[in-house]
Every structure is written in structure tokens, then in C-alpha cells.
Amino acid sequence: MNLFAAGEVVKTRGLHGCLKIISYVEKVSNLANLKFIYIEQKSGQRNRFKLKKIDLSGKAFFVELEGVPDLESARTLVGCKVFLPKNILEKLPEGEYYWQDIIGLNVYNEENNKYIGRIEFVFPTGSNDVYVCKGEEREILLPAISEVIRKIDIDRQIMTVKLLEGL
């Protein structure tokens, strides 16, 4: 199954195994009709849980899961990553990408096709996102603007960039 990291369990709530999940998804309202979530244990194993209840609240959502009946079993999931099927995401317009599609791309310099590094992280700023590219030599912050990001090929996992003066 094609999954993406959608959040992290940050704490429990109440005595009946309710979990608070901080969402990585921009529009939490897209999660209202979920039936299942996947939780990745510290060991790396992902388990599927059927949702008994979901409450959306700002950048978080609260869930009650089948198989997690009490506070003690819920506590074992705090700190775990939550994954969802990619098919719940709406299709984006041409030239727009989800962060999980950008993270992991191999970055090459447009000028000489030299490998620069790999996108490790994305963070928003007021005007545009910034891609954190880690290479062997250094880390480069790439603003997600057309003058810098020249081409993205998700299928080939490649981003071509033009390094501006100072990058």
C-alpha cells in the first residue's frame, strides 16, 4: 500500500485510549472520513488500526482506535508516526507538489548536472517553502521559487536547481 507520513502521536487524552495526533497534513478536514490509520512502532513495523472515532481540532486530530481500549495501551503509541493512504489526498494542479513528494529527491545543479545532495526536510516561510538539501560537503537552503527550482521529476526522483549567488 502506498502510504505517507501524516502526523505523530504526541499524547493521550482521557482514560479510554484516545490519542492526540499532530497533523503534517495542511487541511485536517480531509481526514474527516478516515476509516483506518497506520501507526509505525519504534521497531519500524506499521500496524493498521480501525478508527472508532475521530475529532478534528486545528492542526491536530484525536482518535480512538479498535484494539487500544485504555490509557496504558495508548501510552505505548506516544511518539509513533501516523501514516495514511496516499489516495486520500486531492490531486494537485500541474507544478504543485506535496511535501512528502519533495522529501527524498536527489538534487542536481542545472549548470553542470553535478549532484548537490538530497532534500531532507521542507519548512514553510511567509512567502514560499524552503527545501533543506543535505550534500556531502554542506547543507543548502533552497527557496521554492522558480528562479531556483528549475525542474522537478517525481517519477525519476530528481530536482534540478539553479544556485543563485550566495547559496
C-alpha atoms as a PDB file:
ATOM      1  CA  MET A   1       0.000   0.000   0.000  1.00  0.00           C
ATOM      2  CA  ASN A   2       1.220   3.490  -0.870  1.00  0.00           C
ATOM      3  CA  LEU A   3       1.361   5.436   2.430  1.00  0.00           C
ATOM      4  CA  PHE A   4       2.624   8.838   3.520  1.00  0.00           C
ATOM      5  CA  ALA A   5       3.616  10.213   6.938  1.00  0.00           C
ATOM      6  CA  ALA A   6       0.596  12.230   8.092  1.00  0.00           C
ATOM      7  CA  GLY A   7       1.406  13.021  11.704  1.00  0.00           C
ATOM      8  CA  GLU A   8       2.759  11.964  15.061  1.00  0.00           C
ATOM      9  CA  VAL A   9       1.073  10.744  18.229  1.00  0.00           C
ATOM     10  CA  VAL A  10       2.007  13.342  20.843  1.00  0.00           C
ATOM     11  CA  LYS A  11      -0.051  12.362  23.889  1.00  0.00           C
ATOM     12  CA  THR A  12      -3.055  10.532  25.269  1.00  0.00           C
ATOM     13  CA  ARG A  13      -6.345  12.059  26.355  1.00  0.00           C
ATOM     14  CA  GLY A  14      -8.743  10.635  28.910  1.00  0.00           C
ATOM     15  CA  LEU A  15      -8.908   7.077  30.212  1.00  0.00           C
ATOM     16  CA  HIS A  16     -10.302   5.303  27.136  1.00  0.00           C
ATOM     17  CA  GLY A  17      -7.227   5.176  24.886  1.00  0.00           C
ATOM     18  CA  CYS A  18      -7.794   8.418  22.974  1.00  0.00           C
ATOM     19  CA  LEU A  19      -4.695   9.672  21.120  1.00  0.00           C
ATOM     20  CA  LYS A  20      -3.789  13.218  20.137  1.00  0.00           C
ATOM     21  CA  ILE A  21      -2.056  13.347  16.746  1.00  0.00           C
ATOM     22  CA  ILE A  22      -0.313  16.458  15.436  1.00  0.00           C
ATOM     23  CA  SER A  23      -1.022  16.541  11.713  1.00  0.00           C
ATOM     24  CA  TYR A  24       1.517  17.104   8.939  1.00  0.00           C
ATOM     25  CA  VAL A  25      -1.444  17.456   6.542  1.00  0.00           C
ATOM     26  CA  GLU A  26      -2.261  21.054   5.647  1.00  0.00           C
ATOM     27  CA  LYS A  27      -6.045  20.539   5.538  1.00  0.00           C
ATOM     28  CA  VAL A  28      -7.074  18.391   8.503  1.00  0.00           C
ATOM     29  CA  SER A  29     -10.666  18.486   7.199  1.00  0.00           C
ATOM     30  CA  ASN A  30      -9.555  15.986   4.506  1.00  0.00           C
ATOM     31  CA  LEU A  31      -9.245  13.390   7.287  1.00  0.00           C
ATOM     32  CA  ALA A  32     -12.876  13.520   8.462  1.00  0.00           C
ATOM     33  CA  ASN A  33     -13.931  10.349   6.594  1.00  0.00           C
ATOM     34  CA  LEU A  34     -10.983   8.136   7.513  1.00  0.00           C
ATOM     35  CA  LYS A  35     -11.761   4.520   8.386  1.00  0.00           C
ATOM     36  CA  PHE A  36      -8.219   3.291   9.137  1.00  0.00           C
ATOM     37  CA  ILE A  37      -4.827   4.688  10.099  1.00  0.00           C
ATOM     38  CA  TYR A  38      -1.409   3.054  10.201  1.00  0.00           C
ATOM     39  CA  ILE A  39       0.901   3.566  13.160  1.00  0.00           C
ATOM     40  CA  GLU A  40       4.618   2.875  12.880  1.00  0.00           C
ATOM     41  CA  GLN A  41       6.051   1.350  16.049  1.00  0.00           C
ATOM     42  CA  LYS A  42       9.561   2.209  17.228  1.00  0.00           C
ATOM     43  CA  SER A  43      10.690  -1.105  15.658  1.00  0.00           C
ATOM     44  CA  GLY A  44       9.633   0.174  12.216  1.00  0.00           C
ATOM     45  CA  GLN A  45       6.639  -2.157  11.975  1.00  0.00           C
ATOM     46  CA  ARG A  46       3.437  -0.498  10.735  1.00  0.00           C
ATOM     47  CA  ASN A  47       0.128  -1.696  12.154  1.00  0.00           C
ATOM     48  CA  ARG A  48      -3.304  -0.896  10.735  1.00  0.00           C
ATOM     49  CA  PHE A  49      -5.940   0.316  13.186  1.00  0.00           C
ATOM     50  CA  LYS A  50      -9.642   0.746  12.548  1.00  0.00           C
ATOM     51  CA  LEU A  51     -10.963   4.109  13.753  1.00  0.00           C
ATOM     52  CA  LYS A  52     -13.757   4.061  16.300  1.00  0.00           C
ATOM     53  CA  LYS A  53     -13.850   7.852  16.498  1.00  0.00           C
ATOM     54  CA  ILE A  54     -12.056  10.887  15.052  1.00  0.00           C
ATOM     55  CA  ASP A  55     -12.320  14.525  16.194  1.00  0.00           C
ATOM     56  CA  LEU A  56     -10.601  17.276  14.208  1.00  0.00           C
ATOM     57  CA  SER A  57      -9.150  20.251  16.093  1.00  0.00           C
ATOM     58  CA  GLY A  58      -6.913  22.840  14.405  1.00  0.00           C
ATOM     59  CA  LYS A  59      -3.585  21.219  13.408  1.00  0.00           C
ATOM     60  CA  ALA A  60      -4.390  18.150  15.489  1.00  0.00           C
ATOM     61  CA  PHE A  61      -6.857  15.329  15.485  1.00  0.00           C
ATOM     62  CA  PHE A  62      -7.964  12.981  18.233  1.00  0.00           C
ATOM     63  CA  VAL A  63      -8.657   9.307  17.545  1.00  0.00           C
ATOM     64  CA  GLU A  64      -9.984   6.288  19.361  1.00  0.00           C
ATOM     65  CA  LEU A  65      -8.830   3.025  17.813  1.00  0.00           C
ATOM     66  CA  GLU A  66     -10.044  -0.543  17.915  1.00  0.00           C
ATOM     67  CA  GLY A  67      -7.516  -2.575  19.870  1.00  0.00           C
ATOM     68  CA  VAL A  68      -6.460   0.400  22.007  1.00  0.00           C
ATOM     69  CA  PRO A  69      -9.036   0.218  24.815  1.00  0.00           C
ATOM     70  CA  ASP A  70      -7.311   2.059  27.654  1.00  0.00           C
ATOM     71  CA  LEU A  71      -4.751   4.606  28.768  1.00  0.00           C
ATOM     72  CA  GLU A  72      -1.946   2.047  29.230  1.00  0.00           C
ATOM     73  CA  SER A  73      -2.178   0.676  25.670  1.00  0.00           C
ATOM     74  CA  ALA A  74      -2.490   4.231  24.294  1.00  0.00           C
ATOM     75  CA  ARG A  75       0.694   5.351  26.089  1.00  0.00           C
ATOM     76  CA  THR A  76       2.740   2.788  24.154  1.00  0.00           C
ATOM     77  CA  LEU A  77       1.892   4.660  20.924  1.00  0.00           C
ATOM     78  CA  VAL A  78       3.029   8.143  22.034  1.00  0.00           C
ATOM     79  CA  GLY A  79       5.918   9.265  19.828  1.00  0.00           C
ATOM     80  CA  CYS A  80       4.931   6.971  16.945  1.00  0.00           C
ATOM     81  CA  LYS A  81       4.423   8.238  13.397  1.00  0.00           C
ATOM     82  CA  VAL A  82       0.996   8.006  11.772  1.00  0.00           C
ATOM     83  CA  PHE A  83       0.650   7.016   8.122  1.00  0.00           C
ATOM     84  CA  LEU A  84      -2.313   7.304   5.769  1.00  0.00           C
ATOM     85  CA  PRO A  85      -3.021   6.025   2.248  1.00  0.00           C
ATOM     86  CA  LYS A  86      -1.925   8.472  -0.457  1.00  0.00           C
ATOM     87  CA  ASN A  87      -5.245   8.072  -2.260  1.00  0.00           C
ATOM     88  CA  ILE A  88      -6.977  10.309   0.336  1.00  0.00           C
ATOM     89  CA  LEU A  89      -5.003  13.307  -0.929  1.00  0.00           C
ATOM     90  CA  GLU A  90      -6.590  15.509  -3.547  1.00  0.00           C
ATOM     91  CA  LYS A  91      -4.823  15.779  -6.878  1.00  0.00           C
ATOM     92  CA  LEU A  92      -2.758  18.955  -7.108  1.00  0.00           C
ATOM     93  CA  PRO A  93      -2.539  21.264 -10.120  1.00  0.00           C
ATOM     94  CA  GLU A  94       0.405  20.912 -12.509  1.00  0.00           C
ATOM     95  CA  GLY A  95       3.620  22.176 -10.894  1.00  0.00           C
ATOM     96  CA  GLU A  96       2.429  21.794  -7.278  1.00  0.00           C
ATOM     97  CA  TYR A  97       3.673  19.008  -5.019  1.00  0.00           C
ATOM     98  CA  TYR A  98       3.054  17.573  -1.588  1.00  0.00           C
ATOM     99  CA  TRP A  99       5.989  17.814   0.812  1.00  0.00           C
ATOM    100  CA  GLN A 100       6.268  14.039   1.015  1.00  0.00           C
ATOM    101  CA  ASP A 101       6.845  14.002  -2.763  1.00  0.00           C
ATOM    102  CA  ILE A 102       9.655  16.570  -2.467  1.00  0.00           C
ATOM    103  CA  ILE A 103      11.450  14.992   0.508  1.00  0.00           C
ATOM    104  CA  GLY A 104      13.974  12.440  -0.730  1.00  0.00           C
ATOM    105  CA  LEU A 105      14.519  13.951  -4.181  1.00  0.00           C
ATOM    106  CA  ASN A 106      18.088  13.959  -5.475  1.00  0.00           C
ATOM    107  CA  VAL A 107      19.194  17.496  -6.336  1.00  0.00           C
ATOM    108  CA  TYR A 108      21.380  18.384  -9.316  1.00  0.00           C
ATOM    109  CA  ASN A 109      22.885  21.673 -10.457  1.00  0.00           C
ATOM    110  CA  GLU A 110      21.337  22.846 -13.748  1.00  0.00           C
ATOM    111  CA  GLU A 111      24.610  24.403 -14.871  1.00  0.00           C
ATOM    112  CA  ASN A 112      26.864  21.315 -14.789  1.00  0.00           C
ATOM    113  CA  ASN A 113      24.484  18.480 -13.793  1.00  0.00           C
ATOM    114  CA  LYS A 114      26.587  17.951 -10.651  1.00  0.00           C
ATOM    115  CA  TYR A 115      24.923  16.121  -7.750  1.00  0.00           C
ATOM    116  CA  ILE A 116      24.362  18.545  -4.864  1.00  0.00           C
ATOM    117  CA  GLY A 117      22.527  16.416  -2.312  1.00  0.00           C
ATOM    118  CA  ARG A 118      19.145  15.168  -1.193  1.00  0.00           C
ATOM    119  CA  ILE A 119      16.073  17.024   0.070  1.00  0.00           C
ATOM    120  CA  GLU A 120      15.820  16.099   3.761  1.00  0.00           C
ATOM    121  CA  PHE A 121      13.174  18.475   5.024  1.00  0.00           C
ATOM    122  CA  VAL A 122      10.744  21.201   3.933  1.00  0.00           C
ATOM    123  CA  PHE A 123       9.622  24.147   6.019  1.00  0.00           C
ATOM    124  CA  PRO A 124       7.193  26.951   5.254  1.00  0.00           C
ATOM    125  CA  THR A 125       8.047  30.623   5.395  1.00  0.00           C
ATOM    126  CA  GLY A 126       5.722  33.545   4.863  1.00  0.00           C
ATOM    127  CA  SER A 127       6.138  33.743   1.115  1.00  0.00           C
ATOM    128  CA  ASN A 128       7.408  30.330  -0.039  1.00  0.00           C
ATOM    129  CA  ASP A 129       8.565  26.948   1.237  1.00  0.00           C
ATOM    130  CA  VAL A 130      12.257  26.258   1.761  1.00  0.00           C
ATOM    131  CA  TYR A 131      13.839  22.904   0.863  1.00  0.00           C
ATOM    132  CA  VAL A 132      16.704  21.682   3.050  1.00  0.00           C
ATOM    133  CA  CYS A 133      19.226  19.921   0.796  1.00  0.00           C
ATOM    134  CA  LYS A 134      21.965  17.918   2.507  1.00  0.00           C
ATOM    135  CA  GLY A 135      25.042  17.093   0.493  1.00  0.00           C
ATOM    136  CA  GLU A 136      28.373  15.511   1.311  1.00  0.00           C
ATOM    137  CA  GLU A 137      30.022  18.908   1.690  1.00  0.00           C
ATOM    138  CA  ARG A 138      27.282  21.047   3.248  1.00  0.00           C
ATOM    139  CA  GLU A 139      23.618  21.804   3.774  1.00  0.00           C
ATOM    140  CA  ILE A 140      21.928  24.238   1.391  1.00  0.00           C
ATOM    141  CA  LEU A 141      18.605  26.001   1.932  1.00  0.00           C
ATOM    142  CA  LEU A 142      16.761  26.228  -1.382  1.00  0.00           C
ATOM    143  CA  PRO A 143      13.845  28.662  -1.619  1.00  0.00           C
ATOM    144  CA  ALA A 144      10.957  27.085  -3.537  1.00  0.00           C
ATOM    145  CA  ILE A 145      10.855  29.763  -6.220  1.00  0.00           C
ATOM    146  CA  SER A 146      11.056  29.382  -9.994  1.00  0.00           C
ATOM    147  CA  GLU A 147      14.426  31.196 -10.191  1.00  0.00           C
ATOM    148  CA  VAL A 148      15.976  28.407  -8.067  1.00  0.00           C
ATOM    149  CA  ILE A 149      13.846  25.278  -8.598  1.00  0.00           C
ATOM    150  CA  ARG A 150      14.111  24.721 -12.334  1.00  0.00           C
ATOM    151  CA  LYS A 151      12.569  21.258 -12.761  1.00  0.00           C
ATOM    152  CA  ILE A 152      11.038  18.534 -10.600  1.00  0.00           C
ATOM    153  CA  ASP A 153      10.678  14.986 -11.909  1.00  0.00           C
ATOM    154  CA  ILE A 154       8.837  12.937  -9.283  1.00  0.00           C
ATOM    155  CA  ASP A 155       8.999   9.724 -11.360  1.00  0.00           C
ATOM    156  CA  ARG A 156      12.798   9.896 -11.635  1.00  0.00           C
ATOM    157  CA  GLN A 157      13.162  11.375  -8.101  1.00  0.00           C
ATOM    158  CA  ILE A 158      15.187  14.325  -9.405  1.00  0.00           C
ATOM    159  CA  MET A 159      15.124  18.068  -8.739  1.00  0.00           C
ATOM    160  CA  THR A 160      17.186  20.374 -10.949  1.00  0.00           C
ATOM    161  CA  VAL A 161      18.157  23.719  -9.436  1.00  0.00           C
ATOM    162  CA  LYS A 162      19.956  26.903 -10.384  1.00  0.00           C
ATOM    163  CA  LEU A 163      22.136  28.008  -7.495  1.00  0.00           C
ATOM    164  CA  LEU A 164      21.870  31.750  -7.051  1.00  0.00           C
ATOM    165  CA  GLU A 165      24.746  33.841  -5.744  1.00  0.00           C
ATOM    166  CA  GLY A 166      25.184  33.109  -2.024  1.00  0.00           C
ATOM    167  CA  LEU A 167      23.576  29.656  -1.974  1.00  0.00           C
END
